[in-house]
Amino acid sequence: QFQLVESGGGLVQPGGSLRLSCAASRFTLKDYAIGWFRQAPGKEREGVSFISANGDTTNYADSVKGRFTISRDNAKNTVYLRMNSLEPEDTAVYYCAATVPMYSSSWYSGADEYEYWGQGTQVTVSS
C-alpha cells in the first residue's frame, strides 16, 4: 500500500528552524514529483513548495521563498522541507503529497494534481 509519512514537526519559537521529512514505504519516491502543502485552522490548504522527480526543479510559494528549502535524498527515499526564520503565520499542519509526473523535470503546484497524501505533521510557531 502506497504510504507517505511526514515527521519533524513541533513547537518552535519565531525565528527558529525545523526540518520536515516525508518518507515513503512500499514504493520508490524517486519516481514521483513531490509537493509540500499546509493548512492552518480555518484556512484552505495551500501549496508551499514543490520538487520534480529528478530534483532539478523546485518552486516555492511567495510567502516562504528565501526561508524554506525543499530537497530530496533518493537513496533514503525521503524528501525534506527545511524551514528557517519561522513566523507565527507558518503555523499549520504540513502535508507531503506525491504524483506521477509527465516528465522527470515536471513539478505541480495544485493540490488536485497529487494522488497520494500523508497524514500531516503539526508545526506551531509561538513564543
Foldseek 3Di string as FASTA:
>chain_A
DWAKAKDWADEAAAQAKIKIKIAIPPDQQLQWKKWKWWDDPPGDIFTAKIAFSPRPDIDGDPVQPPFWDWGDDRVRRMIMIIGGRDDQVPWTWMKMFIDRDPDRRDIDGDPVRTDGIHPTDTHGYHD
